């Protein structure tokens, strides 16, 4: 039924469960699988225009982003040990839901697997809504939302 399964991870514990569910489904269906992680640059958009920022701030922001990318690469490398079933991988920079939707369209995914919440936690969810909420509304393909452990059913 699903030819291409795109699994969105953010390096959180729930991402391991999301990955496992997505890979199990892809393997069962004989689908191609791809994992996407996004270095969240949302906080960068909450500051004045880049030309008004100090070089020190921009340098610090670039270093934080690079550290996040390295952390996500290590996380995905660890995920590779969990399944023998192969998958593609992408790390993007930007606003998570926008980058995930863009890549899903580019890769022609017909199923997107995401967690009900991730690293942002409840404060981020309260202020901005969850990435999964946005993906449910905006994605052009089916979306499977994996409930987090301990979440009320």
N, C-alpha and C. Protein backbone atom coordinates (compact mmCIF):
# COMPACT_ATOMS: atom_id res chain seq x y z
N UNK A 1 0.81 -1.20 0.00
CA UNK A 1 0.00 0.00 0.00
C UNK A 1 0.86 1.27 0.00
N UNK A 2 1.89 1.30 0.83
CA UNK A 2 2.76 2.48 0.89
C UNK A 2 4.08 2.16 0.19
N UNK A 3 4.40 2.92 -0.87
CA UNK A 3 5.64 2.71 -1.61
C UNK A 3 6.83 3.38 -0.94
N UNK A 4 6.58 4.57 -0.36
CA UNK A 4 7.67 5.35 0.23
C UNK A 4 7.25 5.86 1.60
N UNK A 5 7.99 5.43 2.61
CA UNK A 5 7.69 5.79 4.00
C UNK A 5 8.77 6.76 4.48
N UNK A 6 8.36 7.97 4.83
CA UNK A 6 9.28 8.98 5.35
C UNK A 6 9.10 9.06 6.86
N UNK A 7 10.20 8.90 7.59
CA UNK A 7 10.18 8.87 9.05
C UNK A 7 10.90 10.11 9.57
N UNK A 8 10.18 10.94 10.31
CA UNK A 8 10.75 12.17 10.85
C UNK A 8 11.24 11.94 12.28
N UNK A 9 12.50 12.25 12.54
CA UNK A 9 13.08 12.09 13.87
C UNK A 9 13.69 13.42 14.31
N UNK A 10 13.81 13.58 15.63
CA UNK A 10 14.41 14.82 16.15
C UNK A 10 15.49 14.56 17.20
N UNK A 11 15.87 13.30 17.37
CA UNK A 11 16.91 12.98 18.34
C UNK A 11 16.37 12.68 19.72
N UNK A 12 15.07 12.78 19.93
CA UNK A 12 14.47 12.50 21.23
C UNK A 12 14.25 11.00 21.40
N UNK A 13 13.94 10.59 22.61
CA UNK A 13 13.67 9.18 22.89
C UNK A 13 12.49 8.67 22.08
N UNK A 14 11.43 9.49 21.95
CA UNK A 14 10.27 9.05 21.17
C UNK A 14 10.67 8.78 19.73
N UNK A 15 11.69 9.47 19.23
CA UNK A 15 12.13 9.26 17.85
C UNK A 15 12.57 7.82 17.60
N UNK A 16 13.10 7.18 18.63
CA UNK A 16 13.50 5.78 18.46
C UNK A 16 12.27 4.90 18.22
N UNK A 17 11.20 5.17 18.95
CA UNK A 17 9.96 4.44 18.76
C UNK A 17 9.35 4.76 17.40
N UNK A 18 9.36 6.03 17.03
CA UNK A 18 8.85 6.46 15.73
C UNK A 18 9.62 5.74 14.61
N UNK A 19 10.94 5.74 14.73
CA UNK A 19 11.79 5.07 13.74
C UNK A 19 11.44 3.58 13.66
N UNK A 20 11.35 2.92 14.80
CA UNK A 20 11.04 1.48 14.81
C UNK A 20 9.70 1.20 14.13
N UNK A 21 8.67 1.99 14.46
CA UNK A 21 7.35 1.78 13.86
C UNK A 21 7.40 2.00 12.35
N UNK A 22 8.06 3.08 11.93
CA UNK A 22 8.16 3.38 10.51
C UNK A 22 8.92 2.32 9.75
N UNK A 23 10.03 1.85 10.31
CA UNK A 23 10.83 0.83 9.63
C UNK A 23 10.11 -0.51 9.60
N UNK A 24 9.42 -0.86 10.68
CA UNK A 24 8.65 -2.11 10.68
C UNK A 24 7.59 -2.09 9.58
N UNK A 25 6.92 -0.96 9.45
CA UNK A 25 5.89 -0.82 8.42
C UNK A 25 6.50 -0.88 7.02
N UNK A 26 7.60 -0.16 6.81
CA UNK A 26 8.26 -0.16 5.51
C UNK A 26 8.71 -1.57 5.13
N UNK A 27 9.31 -2.26 6.09
CA UNK A 27 9.79 -3.62 5.83
C UNK A 27 8.62 -4.55 5.51
N UNK A 28 7.57 -4.46 6.29
CA UNK A 28 6.38 -5.30 6.08
C UNK A 28 5.76 -5.05 4.71
N UNK A 29 5.71 -3.79 4.30
CA UNK A 29 5.10 -3.41 3.03
C UNK A 29 6.06 -3.56 1.85
N UNK A 30 7.36 -3.76 2.13
CA UNK A 30 8.35 -3.79 1.06
C UNK A 30 8.57 -2.41 0.45
N UNK A 31 8.41 -1.38 1.27
CA UNK A 31 8.51 0.01 0.83
C UNK A 31 9.92 0.55 0.95
N UNK A 32 10.19 1.61 0.20
CA UNK A 32 11.42 2.37 0.41
C UNK A 32 11.22 3.16 1.70
N UNK A 33 12.30 3.39 2.42
CA UNK A 33 12.22 4.18 3.66
C UNK A 33 13.27 5.28 3.61
N UNK A 34 12.91 6.40 4.20
CA UNK A 34 13.84 7.51 4.34
C UNK A 34 13.62 8.14 5.71
N UNK A 35 14.70 8.58 6.32
CA UNK A 35 14.64 9.25 7.61
C UNK A 35 15.05 10.70 7.41
N UNK A 36 14.26 11.62 7.96
CA UNK A 36 14.60 13.04 7.89
C UNK A 36 14.70 13.60 9.30
N UNK A 37 15.71 14.43 9.50
CA UNK A 37 15.87 15.18 10.75
C UNK A 37 16.13 16.62 10.35
N UNK A 38 15.61 17.55 11.14
CA UNK A 38 15.74 18.96 10.81
C UNK A 38 16.43 19.69 11.96
N UNK A 39 17.51 20.40 11.62
CA UNK A 39 18.14 21.30 12.58
C UNK A 39 17.21 22.50 12.66
N UNK A 40 16.58 22.65 13.80
CA UNK A 40 15.54 23.67 13.99
C UNK A 40 16.15 25.06 14.10
N UNK A 41 15.87 25.88 13.10
CA UNK A 41 16.38 27.26 13.11
C UNK A 41 15.28 28.25 13.51
N UNK A 42 14.20 27.75 14.07
CA UNK A 42 13.06 28.59 14.43
C UNK A 42 13.48 29.77 15.30
N UNK A 43 14.35 29.53 16.28
CA UNK A 43 14.75 30.61 17.19
C UNK A 43 15.47 31.72 16.45
N UNK A 44 16.12 31.41 15.35
CA UNK A 44 16.83 32.42 14.58
C UNK A 44 15.86 33.44 13.99
N UNK A 45 14.62 33.01 13.72
CA UNK A 45 13.64 33.89 13.12
C UNK A 45 12.98 34.81 14.14
N UNK A 46 13.25 34.59 15.41
CA UNK A 46 12.67 35.42 16.45
C UNK A 46 13.54 36.62 16.80
N UNK A 47 14.60 36.82 16.06
CA UNK A 47 15.52 37.93 16.30
C UNK A 47 15.47 38.90 15.13
N UNK A 48 16.04 40.11 15.31
CA UNK A 48 16.05 41.09 14.21
C UNK A 48 16.74 40.52 12.97
N UNK A 49 16.61 41.22 11.89
CA UNK A 49 17.23 40.80 10.63
C UNK A 49 18.72 40.52 10.82
N UNK A 50 19.23 39.57 10.05
CA UNK A 50 20.62 39.12 10.20
C UNK A 50 21.61 40.27 10.09
N UNK A 51 21.33 41.25 9.25
CA UNK A 51 22.29 42.35 9.11
C UNK A 51 22.34 43.24 10.34
N UNK A 52 21.40 43.08 11.26
CA UNK A 52 21.40 43.85 12.50
C UNK A 52 22.03 43.07 13.66
N UNK A 53 22.35 41.79 13.43
CA UNK A 53 22.91 40.96 14.49
C UNK A 53 24.42 41.10 14.53
N UNK A 54 24.97 40.95 15.71
CA UNK A 54 26.42 41.05 15.86
C UNK A 54 27.08 39.80 15.28
N UNK A 55 28.30 39.95 14.78
CA UNK A 55 29.03 38.79 14.26
C UNK A 55 29.22 37.71 15.34
N UNK A 56 29.36 38.11 16.59
CA UNK A 56 29.52 37.15 17.68
C UNK A 56 28.28 36.29 17.81
N UNK A 57 27.10 36.93 17.76
CA UNK A 57 25.84 36.18 17.86
C UNK A 57 25.70 35.23 16.68
N UNK A 58 25.97 35.71 15.48
CA UNK A 58 25.84 34.87 14.29
C UNK A 58 26.79 33.68 14.35
N UNK A 59 28.00 33.91 14.85
CA UNK A 59 28.97 32.83 14.98
C UNK A 59 28.49 31.80 16.00
N UNK A 60 27.96 32.28 17.12
CA UNK A 60 27.45 31.37 18.15
C UNK A 60 26.27 30.57 17.62
N UNK A 61 25.38 31.23 16.88
CA UNK A 61 24.22 30.54 16.30
C UNK A 61 24.67 29.47 15.31
N UNK A 62 25.66 29.78 14.49
CA UNK A 62 26.19 28.81 13.52
C UNK A 62 26.80 27.61 14.24
N UNK A 63 27.51 27.86 15.33
CA UNK A 63 28.12 26.77 16.10
C UNK A 63 27.06 25.88 16.73
N UNK A 64 26.01 26.48 17.27
CA UNK A 64 24.92 25.70 17.86
C UNK A 64 24.26 24.84 16.80
N UNK A 65 24.00 25.41 15.63
CA UNK A 65 23.38 24.66 14.54
C UNK A 65 24.27 23.50 14.10
N UNK A 66 25.57 23.72 14.01
CA UNK A 66 26.49 22.66 13.61
C UNK A 66 26.50 21.54 14.66
N UNK A 67 26.46 21.91 15.94
CA UNK A 67 26.41 20.91 17.01
C UNK A 67 25.12 20.09 16.91
N UNK A 68 24.00 20.76 16.63
CA UNK A 68 22.73 20.05 16.47
C UNK A 68 22.81 19.08 15.29
N UNK A 69 23.41 19.52 14.18
CA UNK A 69 23.56 18.65 13.02
C UNK A 69 24.39 17.42 13.37
N UNK A 70 25.51 17.63 14.06
CA UNK A 70 26.36 16.50 14.46
C UNK A 70 25.63 15.54 15.39
N UNK A 71 24.83 16.08 16.30
CA UNK A 71 24.05 15.26 17.21
C UNK A 71 23.03 14.42 16.43
N UNK A 72 22.37 15.04 15.46
CA UNK A 72 21.39 14.32 14.64
C UNK A 72 22.07 13.25 13.78
N UNK A 73 23.24 13.55 13.24
CA UNK A 73 23.98 12.55 12.46
C UNK A 73 24.34 11.35 13.32
N UNK A 74 24.79 11.60 14.54
CA UNK A 74 25.13 10.51 15.47
C UNK A 74 23.88 9.71 15.83
N UNK A 75 22.77 10.39 16.03
CA UNK A 75 21.51 9.74 16.36
C UNK A 75 21.09 8.81 15.22
N UNK A 76 21.16 9.29 13.99
CA UNK A 76 20.79 8.47 12.83
C UNK A 76 21.75 7.30 12.66
N UNK A 77 23.03 7.54 12.91
CA UNK A 77 24.02 6.44 12.84
C UNK A 77 23.65 5.35 13.84
N UNK A 78 23.19 5.76 15.03
CA UNK A 78 22.76 4.80 16.04
C UNK A 78 21.50 4.05 15.59
N UNK A 79 20.60 4.75 14.90
CA UNK A 79 19.39 4.11 14.41
C UNK A 79 19.71 3.02 13.39
N UNK A 80 20.75 3.23 12.61
CA UNK A 80 21.14 2.25 11.58
C UNK A 80 21.44 0.89 12.20
N UNK A 81 21.86 0.87 13.44
CA UNK A 81 22.18 -0.38 14.14
C UNK A 81 20.92 -1.14 14.54
N UNK A 82 19.76 -0.48 14.53
CA UNK A 82 18.52 -1.08 15.00
C UNK A 82 17.84 -1.95 13.95
N UNK A 83 18.09 -1.68 12.66
CA UNK A 83 17.43 -2.41 11.59
C UNK A 83 18.42 -2.75 10.49
N UNK A 84 18.26 -3.94 9.91
CA UNK A 84 19.05 -4.32 8.75
C UNK A 84 18.43 -3.76 7.47
N UNK A 85 17.16 -3.42 7.53
CA UNK A 85 16.45 -2.90 6.37
C UNK A 85 16.99 -1.50 6.06
N UNK A 86 17.47 -1.30 4.86
CA UNK A 86 18.12 -0.04 4.50
C UNK A 86 17.18 1.14 4.39
N UNK A 87 17.73 2.33 4.54
CA UNK A 87 16.95 3.56 4.39
C UNK A 87 17.86 4.70 3.96
N UNK A 88 17.24 5.66 3.30
CA UNK A 88 17.93 6.90 2.95
C UNK A 88 17.90 7.80 4.17
N UNK A 89 18.73 8.83 4.15
CA UNK A 89 18.69 9.78 5.27
C UNK A 89 18.93 11.20 4.76
N UNK A 90 18.27 12.15 5.40
CA UNK A 90 18.42 13.56 5.06
C UNK A 90 18.45 14.36 6.35
N UNK A 91 19.35 15.34 6.39
CA UNK A 91 19.35 16.32 7.47
C UNK A 91 19.20 17.68 6.80
N UNK A 92 18.20 18.40 7.23
CA UNK A 92 17.89 19.72 6.66
C UNK A 92 18.00 20.77 7.75
N UNK A 93 18.13 22.01 7.34
CA UNK A 93 18.11 23.17 8.23
C UNK A 93 16.84 23.96 7.96
N UNK A 94 16.16 24.39 9.01
CA UNK A 94 14.99 25.23 8.80
C UNK A 94 13.94 25.02 9.87
N UNK A 95 12.71 25.34 9.49
CA UNK A 95 11.56 25.16 10.37
C UNK A 95 11.07 23.74 10.12
N UNK A 96 11.07 22.89 11.17
CA UNK A 96 10.84 21.46 10.98
C UNK A 96 9.66 21.08 10.09
N UNK A 97 8.47 21.56 10.38
CA UNK A 97 7.33 21.11 9.58
C UNK A 97 7.47 21.51 8.11
N UNK A 98 8.02 22.67 7.85
CA UNK A 98 8.20 23.11 6.45
C UNK A 98 9.21 22.25 5.71
N UNK A 99 10.32 21.94 6.37
CA UNK A 99 11.36 21.12 5.74
C UNK A 99 10.89 19.69 5.52
N UNK A 100 10.14 19.16 6.47
CA UNK A 100 9.62 17.79 6.34
C UNK A 100 8.63 17.72 5.18
N UNK A 101 7.71 18.68 5.12
CA UNK A 101 6.73 18.69 4.03
C UNK A 101 7.42 18.88 2.68
N UNK A 102 8.39 19.75 2.62
CA UNK A 102 9.13 19.99 1.38
C UNK A 102 9.83 18.71 0.90
N UNK A 103 10.50 18.03 1.82
CA UNK A 103 11.20 16.80 1.44
C UNK A 103 10.22 15.68 1.10
N UNK A 104 9.11 15.60 1.83
CA UNK A 104 8.10 14.58 1.53
C UNK A 104 7.60 14.74 0.10
N UNK A 105 7.39 15.98 -0.31
CA UNK A 105 6.93 16.26 -1.67
C UNK A 105 8.03 15.93 -2.68
N UNK A 106 9.26 16.38 -2.40
CA UNK A 106 10.40 16.13 -3.28
C UNK A 106 10.66 14.62 -3.45
N UNK A 107 10.58 13.88 -2.37
CA UNK A 107 10.88 12.44 -2.38
C UNK A 107 9.66 11.62 -2.82
N UNK A 108 8.50 12.28 -2.91
CA UNK A 108 7.25 11.64 -3.31
C UNK A 108 6.80 10.60 -2.29
N UNK A 109 6.93 10.94 -1.00
CA UNK A 109 6.48 10.04 0.08
C UNK A 109 4.97 9.91 0.05
N UNK A 110 4.47 8.71 0.36
CA UNK A 110 3.03 8.58 0.49
C UNK A 110 2.61 8.20 1.92
N UNK A 111 3.59 8.10 2.82
CA UNK A 111 3.31 7.98 4.25
C UNK A 111 4.40 8.69 5.02
N UNK A 112 3.98 9.49 5.96
CA UNK A 112 4.88 10.22 6.84
C UNK A 112 4.65 9.71 8.26
N UNK A 113 5.72 9.29 8.94
CA UNK A 113 5.61 8.77 10.30
C UNK A 113 6.29 9.75 11.24
N UNK A 114 5.54 10.24 12.23
CA UNK A 114 6.04 11.25 13.17
C UNK A 114 5.62 10.91 14.59
N UNK A 115 6.29 11.52 15.57
CA UNK A 115 5.89 11.38 16.96
C UNK A 115 4.87 12.43 17.32
N UNK A 116 4.08 12.15 18.37
CA UNK A 116 3.05 13.10 18.78
C UNK A 116 3.66 14.37 19.38
N UNK A 117 4.83 14.25 19.94
CA UNK A 117 5.61 15.41 20.33
C UNK A 117 7.06 14.99 20.41
N UNK A 118 7.95 15.96 20.52
CA UNK A 118 9.38 15.63 20.50
C UNK A 118 10.15 16.44 21.51
N UNK A 119 11.29 16.94 21.08
CA UNK A 119 12.21 17.64 21.97
C UNK A 119 11.64 18.90 22.59
N UNK A 120 10.74 19.57 21.90
CA UNK A 120 10.23 20.85 22.39
C UNK A 120 9.49 20.76 23.70
N UNK A 121 8.83 19.63 23.95
CA UNK A 121 8.10 19.46 25.19
C UNK A 121 6.80 20.25 25.23
N UNK A 122 6.17 20.26 26.37
CA UNK A 122 4.84 20.84 26.49
C UNK A 122 4.82 22.36 26.37
N UNK A 123 5.88 23.05 26.79
CA UNK A 123 5.89 24.52 26.69
C UNK A 123 5.87 24.93 25.23
N UNK A 124 6.75 24.32 24.45
CA UNK A 124 6.79 24.61 23.02
C UNK A 124 5.45 24.26 22.37
N UNK A 125 4.88 23.12 22.76
CA UNK A 125 3.59 22.70 22.21
C UNK A 125 2.52 23.73 22.54
N UNK A 126 2.52 24.22 23.77
CA UNK A 126 1.52 25.21 24.19
C UNK A 126 1.66 26.51 23.40
N UNK A 127 2.89 26.97 23.22
CA UNK A 127 3.12 28.25 22.55
C UNK A 127 2.98 28.18 21.03
N UNK A 128 3.49 27.12 20.42
CA UNK A 128 3.60 27.08 18.96
C UNK A 128 2.81 25.95 18.31
N UNK A 129 2.30 25.00 19.08
CA UNK A 129 1.69 23.80 18.50
C UNK A 129 2.79 22.81 18.16
N UNK A 130 2.43 21.56 18.02
CA UNK A 130 3.44 20.55 17.72
C UNK A 130 3.70 20.47 16.23
N UNK A 131 4.87 19.98 15.91
CA UNK A 131 5.19 19.74 14.51
C UNK A 131 4.20 18.75 13.93
N UNK A 132 3.85 17.71 14.71
CA UNK A 132 2.90 16.70 14.20
C UNK A 132 1.55 17.33 13.88
N UNK A 133 1.08 18.29 14.70
CA UNK A 133 -0.18 18.99 14.40
C UNK A 133 -0.11 19.67 13.04
N UNK A 134 0.99 20.34 12.80
CA UNK A 134 1.17 21.06 11.53
C UNK A 134 1.26 20.09 10.36
N UNK A 135 1.96 18.98 10.57
CA UNK A 135 2.09 17.99 9.50
C UNK A 135 0.74 17.36 9.17
N UNK A 136 -0.06 17.08 10.20
CA UNK A 136 -1.39 16.52 9.97
C UNK A 136 -2.25 17.44 9.09
N UNK A 137 -2.14 18.72 9.33
CA UNK A 137 -2.95 19.69 8.58
C UNK A 137 -2.39 19.96 7.18
N UNK A 138 -1.06 19.97 7.04
CA UNK A 138 -0.46 20.49 5.80
C UNK A 138 0.11 19.45 4.85
N UNK A 139 0.43 18.27 5.34
CA UNK A 139 1.05 17.26 4.47
C UNK A 139 0.05 16.77 3.43
N UNK A 140 0.54 16.48 2.24
CA UNK A 140 -0.31 16.00 1.15
C UNK A 140 -0.42 14.47 1.14
N UNK A 141 0.35 13.80 2.00
CA UNK A 141 0.30 12.34 2.07
C UNK A 141 -0.29 11.93 3.42
N UNK A 142 -0.51 10.63 3.58
CA UNK A 142 -0.98 10.12 4.86
C UNK A 142 0.06 10.38 5.95
N UNK A 143 -0.41 10.60 7.16
CA UNK A 143 0.47 10.85 8.31
C UNK A 143 0.10 9.87 9.42
N UNK A 144 1.10 9.12 9.89
CA UNK A 144 0.92 8.24 11.04
C UNK A 144 1.59 8.92 12.23
N UNK A 145 0.81 9.23 13.26
CA UNK A 145 1.34 9.86 14.46
C UNK A 145 1.51 8.78 15.52
N UNK A 146 2.75 8.58 15.95
CA UNK A 146 3.07 7.59 16.97
C UNK A 146 2.93 8.25 18.33
N UNK A 147 2.08 7.67 19.18
CA UNK A 147 1.89 8.23 20.52
C UNK A 147 3.13 8.01 21.37
N UNK A 148 3.43 8.99 22.18
CA UNK A 148 4.58 8.91 23.07
C UNK A 148 4.25 8.04 24.28
N UNK A 149 5.25 7.36 24.79
CA UNK A 149 5.08 6.52 25.97
C UNK A 149 4.60 7.38 27.12
N UNK A 150 3.58 6.88 27.81
CA UNK A 150 3.05 7.60 28.96
C UNK A 150 1.95 8.59 28.61
N UNK A 151 1.72 8.80 27.33
CA UNK A 151 0.68 9.72 26.92
C UNK A 151 -0.67 9.07 27.16
N UNK A 152 -1.65 9.83 27.59
CA UNK A 152 -2.97 9.25 27.84
C UNK A 152 -3.57 8.76 26.53
N UNK A 153 -4.26 7.67 26.63
CA UNK A 153 -4.83 7.06 25.41
C UNK A 153 -6.29 7.34 25.28
